[in-house]
């Protein structure tokens, strides 16, 4: 069984594959337009403190 971890829980340097994009329809559409789709590889590059933005790289 594959473990699912929210993107916000990954540390810089950790990578994974997007299993699903959850949230309101408008947010899901915006993330899809940015390339966040199920099956895409993602790597966390940097995390801001205090739940700030994540910098990620999509694809390999």
PDB file of N, CA and C in Angstrom:
ATOM      1  N   UNK A   1       0.836  -1.177   0.000  1.00  0.00           N
ATOM      2  CA  UNK A   1       0.000   0.000   0.000  1.00  0.00           C
ATOM      3  C   UNK A   1       0.883   1.243   0.000  1.00  0.00           C
ATOM      4  N   UNK A   2       0.513   2.234  -0.766  1.00  0.00           N
ATOM      5  CA  UNK A   2       1.275   3.470  -0.879  1.00  0.00           C
ATOM      6  C   UNK A   2       0.819   4.462   0.183  1.00  0.00           C
ATOM      7  N   UNK A   3       1.779   5.103   0.828  1.00  0.00           N
ATOM      8  CA  UNK A   3       1.466   6.096   1.850  1.00  0.00           C
ATOM      9  C   UNK A   3       1.212   7.445   1.192  1.00  0.00           C
ATOM     10  N   UNK A   4       0.140   8.114   1.566  1.00  0.00           N
ATOM     11  CA  UNK A   4      -0.154   9.457   1.063  1.00  0.00           C
ATOM     12  C   UNK A   4       0.232  10.479   2.122  1.00  0.00           C
ATOM     13  N   UNK A   5       1.002  11.472   1.698  1.00  0.00           N
ATOM     14  CA  UNK A   5       1.453  12.539   2.580  1.00  0.00           C
ATOM     15  C   UNK A   5       1.123  13.865   1.923  1.00  0.00           C
ATOM     16  N   UNK A   6       0.505  14.795   2.634  1.00  0.00           N
ATOM     17  CA  UNK A   6       0.241  16.107   2.036  1.00  0.00           C
ATOM     18  C   UNK A   6       1.549  16.786   1.628  1.00  0.00           C
ATOM     19  N   UNK A   7       1.513  17.509   0.540  1.00  0.00           N
ATOM     20  CA  UNK A   7       2.689  18.223   0.047  1.00  0.00           C
ATOM     21  C   UNK A   7       3.246  19.144   1.128  1.00  0.00           C
ATOM     22  N   UNK A   8       2.380  19.730   1.914  1.00  0.00           N
ATOM     23  CA  UNK A   8       2.813  20.652   2.971  1.00  0.00           C
ATOM     24  C   UNK A   8       3.612  19.965   4.073  1.00  0.00           C
ATOM     25  N   UNK A   9       3.605  18.634   4.121  1.00  0.00           N
ATOM     26  CA  UNK A   9       4.353  17.894   5.147  1.00  0.00           C
ATOM     27  C   UNK A   9       5.730  17.444   4.663  1.00  0.00           C
ATOM     28  N   UNK A  10       6.047  17.652   3.393  1.00  0.00           N
ATOM     29  CA  UNK A  10       7.358  17.254   2.877  1.00  0.00           C
ATOM     30  C   UNK A  10       8.401  18.303   3.229  1.00  0.00           C
ATOM     31  N   UNK A  11       9.597  17.850   3.531  1.00  0.00           N
ATOM     32  CA  UNK A  11      10.718  18.737   3.836  1.00  0.00           C
ATOM     33  C   UNK A  11      11.451  19.084   2.543  1.00  0.00           C
ATOM     34  N   UNK A  12      12.197  20.194   2.539  1.00  0.00           N
ATOM     35  CA  UNK A  12      12.990  20.520   1.360  1.00  0.00           C
ATOM     36  C   UNK A  12      13.881  19.346   0.963  1.00  0.00           C
ATOM     37  N   UNK A  13      13.894  19.056  -0.322  1.00  0.00           N
ATOM     38  CA  UNK A  13      14.668  17.940  -0.849  1.00  0.00           C
ATOM     39  C   UNK A  13      13.857  16.670  -1.003  1.00  0.00           C
ATOM     40  N   UNK A  14      12.741  16.572  -0.294  1.00  0.00           N
ATOM     41  CA  UNK A  14      11.901  15.380  -0.427  1.00  0.00           C
ATOM     42  C   UNK A  14      11.089  15.470  -1.713  1.00  0.00           C
ATOM     43  N   UNK A  15      10.805  14.313  -2.265  1.00  0.00           N
ATOM     44  CA  UNK A  15      10.048  14.266  -3.511  1.00  0.00           C
ATOM     45  C   UNK A  15       8.929  13.253  -3.411  1.00  0.00           C
ATOM     46  N   UNK A  16       8.007  13.352  -4.335  1.00  0.00           N
ATOM     47  CA  UNK A  16       6.889  12.426  -4.369  1.00  0.00           C
ATOM     48  C   UNK A  16       6.179  12.523  -5.699  1.00  0.00           C
ATOM     49  N   UNK A  17       5.053  11.850  -5.774  1.00  0.00           N
ATOM     50  CA  UNK A  17       4.204  11.876  -6.960  1.00  0.00           C
ATOM     51  C   UNK A  17       2.829  12.326  -6.502  1.00  0.00           C
ATOM     52  N   UNK A  18       2.247  13.272  -7.204  1.00  0.00           N
ATOM     53  CA  UNK A  18       0.928  13.784  -6.839  1.00  0.00           C
ATOM     54  C   UNK A  18      -0.107  12.692  -7.061  1.00  0.00           C
ATOM     55  N   UNK A  19      -0.823  12.339  -5.989  1.00  0.00           N
ATOM     56  CA  UNK A  19      -1.869  11.317  -6.071  1.00  0.00           C
ATOM     57  C   UNK A  19      -3.219  11.957  -6.350  1.00  0.00           C
ATOM     58  N   UNK A  20      -3.454  13.128  -5.781  1.00  0.00           N
ATOM     59  CA  UNK A  20      -4.732  13.825  -5.955  1.00  0.00           C
ATOM     60  C   UNK A  20      -4.541  15.278  -5.558  1.00  0.00           C
ATOM     61  N   UNK A  21      -5.406  16.131  -6.075  1.00  0.00           N
ATOM     62  CA  UNK A  21      -5.420  17.544  -5.700  1.00  0.00           C
ATOM     63  C   UNK A  21      -6.781  17.807  -5.071  1.00  0.00           C
ATOM     64  N   UNK A  22      -6.775  18.136  -3.785  1.00  0.00           N
ATOM     65  CA  UNK A  22      -8.016  18.370  -3.047  1.00  0.00           C
ATOM     66  C   UNK A  22      -8.219  19.861  -2.816  1.00  0.00           C
ATOM     67  N   UNK A  23      -9.464  20.241  -2.632  1.00  0.00           N
ATOM     68  CA  UNK A  23      -9.796  21.625  -2.317  1.00  0.00           C
ATOM     69  C   UNK A  23     -10.981  22.083  -3.127  1.00  0.00           C
ATOM     70  N   UNK A  24     -11.358  23.344  -2.944  1.00  0.00           N
ATOM     71  CA  UNK A  24     -12.475  23.893  -3.708  1.00  0.00           C
ATOM     72  C   UNK A  24     -12.186  23.861  -5.214  1.00  0.00           C
ATOM     73  N   UNK A  25     -13.228  23.819  -6.003  1.00  0.00           N
ATOM     74  CA  UNK A  25     -13.096  23.706  -7.462  1.00  0.00           C
ATOM     75  C   UNK A  25     -12.183  24.777  -8.055  1.00  0.00           C
ATOM     76  N   UNK A  26     -12.346  26.025  -7.639  1.00  0.00           N
ATOM     77  CA  UNK A  26     -11.510  27.102  -8.177  1.00  0.00           C
ATOM     78  C   UNK A  26     -10.034  26.883  -7.902  1.00  0.00           C
ATOM     79  N   UNK A  27      -9.719  26.424  -6.711  1.00  0.00           N
ATOM     80  CA  UNK A  27      -8.324  26.143  -6.354  1.00  0.00           C
ATOM     81  C   UNK A  27      -7.785  24.986  -7.176  1.00  0.00           C
ATOM     82  N   UNK A  28      -8.571  23.928  -7.315  1.00  0.00           N
ATOM     83  CA  UNK A  28      -8.131  22.773  -8.120  1.00  0.00           C
ATOM     84  C   UNK A  28      -7.877  23.187  -9.565  1.00  0.00           C
ATOM     85  N   UNK A  29      -8.729  24.038 -10.121  1.00  0.00           N
ATOM     86  CA  UNK A  29      -8.532  24.492 -11.500  1.00  0.00           C
ATOM     87  C   UNK A  29      -7.256  25.315 -11.625  1.00  0.00           C
ATOM     88  N   UNK A  30      -7.001  26.188 -10.655  1.00  0.00           N
ATOM     89  CA  UNK A  30      -5.792  27.017 -10.689  1.00  0.00           C
ATOM     90  C   UNK A  30      -4.538  26.152 -10.571  1.00  0.00           C
ATOM     91  N   UNK A  31      -4.557  25.192  -9.660  1.00  0.00           N
ATOM     92  CA  UNK A  31      -3.405  24.307  -9.507  1.00  0.00           C
ATOM     93  C   UNK A  31      -3.191  23.454 -10.756  1.00  0.00           C
ATOM     94  N   UNK A  32      -4.273  23.009 -11.386  1.00  0.00           N
ATOM     95  CA  UNK A  32      -4.150  22.244 -12.636  1.00  0.00           C
ATOM     96  C   UNK A  32      -3.526  23.112 -13.721  1.00  0.00           C
ATOM     97  N   UNK A  33      -3.912  24.385 -13.786  1.00  0.00           N
ATOM     98  CA  UNK A  33      -3.334  25.297 -14.777  1.00  0.00           C
ATOM     99  C   UNK A  33      -1.841  25.506 -14.538  1.00  0.00           C
ATOM    100  N   UNK A  34      -1.413  25.382 -13.284  1.00  0.00           N
ATOM    101  CA  UNK A  34       0.006  25.514 -12.945  1.00  0.00           C
ATOM    102  C   UNK A  34       0.776  24.208 -13.125  1.00  0.00           C
ATOM    103  N   UNK A  35       0.062  23.127 -13.447  1.00  0.00           N
ATOM    104  CA  UNK A  35       0.726  21.853 -13.704  1.00  0.00           C
ATOM    105  C   UNK A  35       0.593  20.814 -12.611  1.00  0.00           C
ATOM    106  N   UNK A  36      -0.137  21.125 -11.543  1.00  0.00           N
ATOM    107  CA  UNK A  36      -0.334  20.164 -10.454  1.00  0.00           C
ATOM    108  C   UNK A  36      -1.424  19.184 -10.861  1.00  0.00           C
ATOM    109  N   UNK A  37      -1.003  18.010 -11.321  1.00  0.00           N
ATOM    110  CA  UNK A  37      -1.935  16.978 -11.773  1.00  0.00           C
ATOM    111  C   UNK A  37      -1.509  15.633 -11.200  1.00  0.00           C
ATOM    112  N   UNK A  38      -2.484  14.768 -10.986  1.00  0.00           N
ATOM    113  CA  UNK A  38      -2.186  13.422 -10.492  1.00  0.00           C
ATOM    114  C   UNK A  38      -1.193  12.742 -11.423  1.00  0.00           C
ATOM    115  N   UNK A  39      -0.205  12.095 -10.823  1.00  0.00           N
ATOM    116  CA  UNK A  39       0.805  11.378 -11.591  1.00  0.00           C
ATOM    117  C   UNK A  39       2.078  12.166 -11.845  1.00  0.00           C
ATOM    118  N   UNK A  40       2.068  13.476 -11.597  1.00  0.00           N
ATOM    119  CA  UNK A  40       3.271  14.285 -11.813  1.00  0.00           C
ATOM    120  C   UNK A  40       4.207  14.192 -10.624  1.00  0.00           C
ATOM    121  N   UNK A  41       5.487  14.158 -10.916  1.00  0.00           N
ATOM    122  CA  UNK A  41       6.504  14.174  -9.859  1.00  0.00           C
ATOM    123  C   UNK A  41       6.612  15.589  -9.306  1.00  0.00           C
ATOM    124  N   UNK A  42       6.922  15.689  -8.026  1.00  0.00           N
ATOM    125  CA  UNK A  42       7.080  16.987  -7.377  1.00  0.00           C
ATOM    126  C   UNK A  42       8.226  16.896  -6.372  1.00  0.00           C
ATOM    127  N   UNK A  43       9.029  17.955  -6.304  1.00  0.00           N
ATOM    128  CA  UNK A  43      10.133  18.051  -5.342  1.00  0.00           C
ATOM    129  C   UNK A  43       9.969  19.369  -4.597  1.00  0.00           C
ATOM    130  N   UNK A  44      10.048  19.323  -3.269  1.00  0.00           N
ATOM    131  CA  UNK A  44       9.999  20.547  -2.473  1.00  0.00           C
ATOM    132  C   UNK A  44      11.396  21.154  -2.476  1.00  0.00           C
ATOM    133  N   UNK A  45      11.502  22.386  -2.945  1.00  0.00           N
ATOM    134  CA  UNK A  45      12.791  23.075  -3.001  1.00  0.00           C
ATOM    135  C   UNK A  45      13.046  23.890  -1.739  1.00  0.00           C
ATOM    136  N   UNK A  46      11.998  24.561  -1.260  1.00  0.00           N
ATOM    137  CA  UNK A  46      12.167  25.442  -0.101  1.00  0.00           C
ATOM    138  C   UNK A  46      10.819  25.645   0.573  1.00  0.00           C
ATOM    139  N   UNK A  47      10.855  25.805   1.884  1.00  0.00           N
ATOM    140  CA  UNK A  47       9.650  26.095   2.668  1.00  0.00           C
ATOM    141  C   UNK A  47       9.882  27.367   3.455  1.00  0.00           C
ATOM    142  N   UNK A  48       8.930  28.266   3.406  1.00  0.00           N
ATOM    143  CA  UNK A  48       8.999  29.463   4.239  1.00  0.00           C
ATOM    144  C   UNK A  48       8.544  29.100   5.650  1.00  0.00           C
ATOM    145  N   UNK A  49       8.964  29.874   6.614  1.00  0.00           N
ATOM    146  CA  UNK A  49       8.567  29.594   7.993  1.00  0.00           C
ATOM    147  C   UNK A  49       7.116  29.998   8.241  1.00  0.00           C
ATOM    148  N   UNK A  50       6.584  29.507   9.324  1.00  0.00           N
ATOM    149  CA  UNK A  50       5.231  29.860   9.771  1.00  0.00           C
ATOM    150  C   UNK A  50       4.164  29.596   8.717  1.00  0.00           C
ATOM    151  N   UNK A  51       4.209  28.407   8.126  1.00  0.00           N
ATOM    152  CA  UNK A  51       3.213  27.978   7.138  1.00  0.00           C
ATOM    153  C   UNK A  51       3.165  28.895   5.918  1.00  0.00           C
ATOM    154  N   UNK A  52       4.295  29.476   5.570  1.00  0.00           N
ATOM    155  CA  UNK A  52       4.383  30.329   4.393  1.00  0.00           C
ATOM    156  C   UNK A  52       4.395  29.496   3.128  1.00  0.00           C
ATOM    157  N   UNK A  53       4.717  30.114   2.009  1.00  0.00           N
ATOM    158  CA  UNK A  53       4.659  29.410   0.724  1.00  0.00           C
ATOM    159  C   UNK A  53       5.709  28.301   0.598  1.00  0.00           C
ATOM    160  N   UNK A  54       5.378  27.331  -0.241  1.00  0.00           N
ATOM    161  CA  UNK A  54       6.296  26.265  -0.631  1.00  0.00           C
ATOM    162  C   UNK A  54       6.828  26.581  -2.019  1.00  0.00           C
ATOM    163  N   UNK A  55       8.085  26.352  -2.232  1.00  0.00           N
ATOM    164  CA  UNK A  55       8.651  26.435  -3.578  1.00  0.00           C
ATOM    165  C   UNK A  55       8.885  25.005  -4.023  1.00  0.00           C
ATOM    166  N   UNK A  56       8.290  24.635  -5.153  1.00  0.00           N
ATOM    167  CA  UNK A  56       8.378  23.261  -5.632  1.00  0.00           C
ATOM    168  C   UNK A  56       8.800  23.234  -7.090  1.00  0.00           C
ATOM    169  N   UNK A  57       9.283  22.081  -7.507  1.00  0.00           N
ATOM    170  CA  UNK A  57       9.577  21.834  -8.924  1.00  0.00           C
ATOM    171  C   UNK A  57       8.699  20.668  -9.347  1.00  0.00           C
ATOM    172  N   UNK A  58       7.994  20.854 -10.444  1.00  0.00           N
ATOM    173  CA  UNK A  58       7.152  19.790 -10.986  1.00  0.00           C
ATOM    174  C   UNK A  58       7.889  19.085 -12.102  1.00  0.00           C
ATOM    175  N   UNK A  59       7.679  17.792 -12.214  1.00  0.00           N
ATOM    176  CA  UNK A  59       8.341  17.010 -13.256  1.00  0.00           C
ATOM    177  C   UNK A  59       9.703  16.549 -12.785  1.00  0.00           C
ATOM    178  N   UNK A  60      10.411  15.887 -13.691  1.00  0.00           N
ATOM    179  CA  UNK A  60      11.716  15.341 -13.319  1.00  0.00           C
ATOM    180  C   UNK A  60      12.841  16.250 -13.725  1.00  0.00           C
TER     181      UNK A  60
END
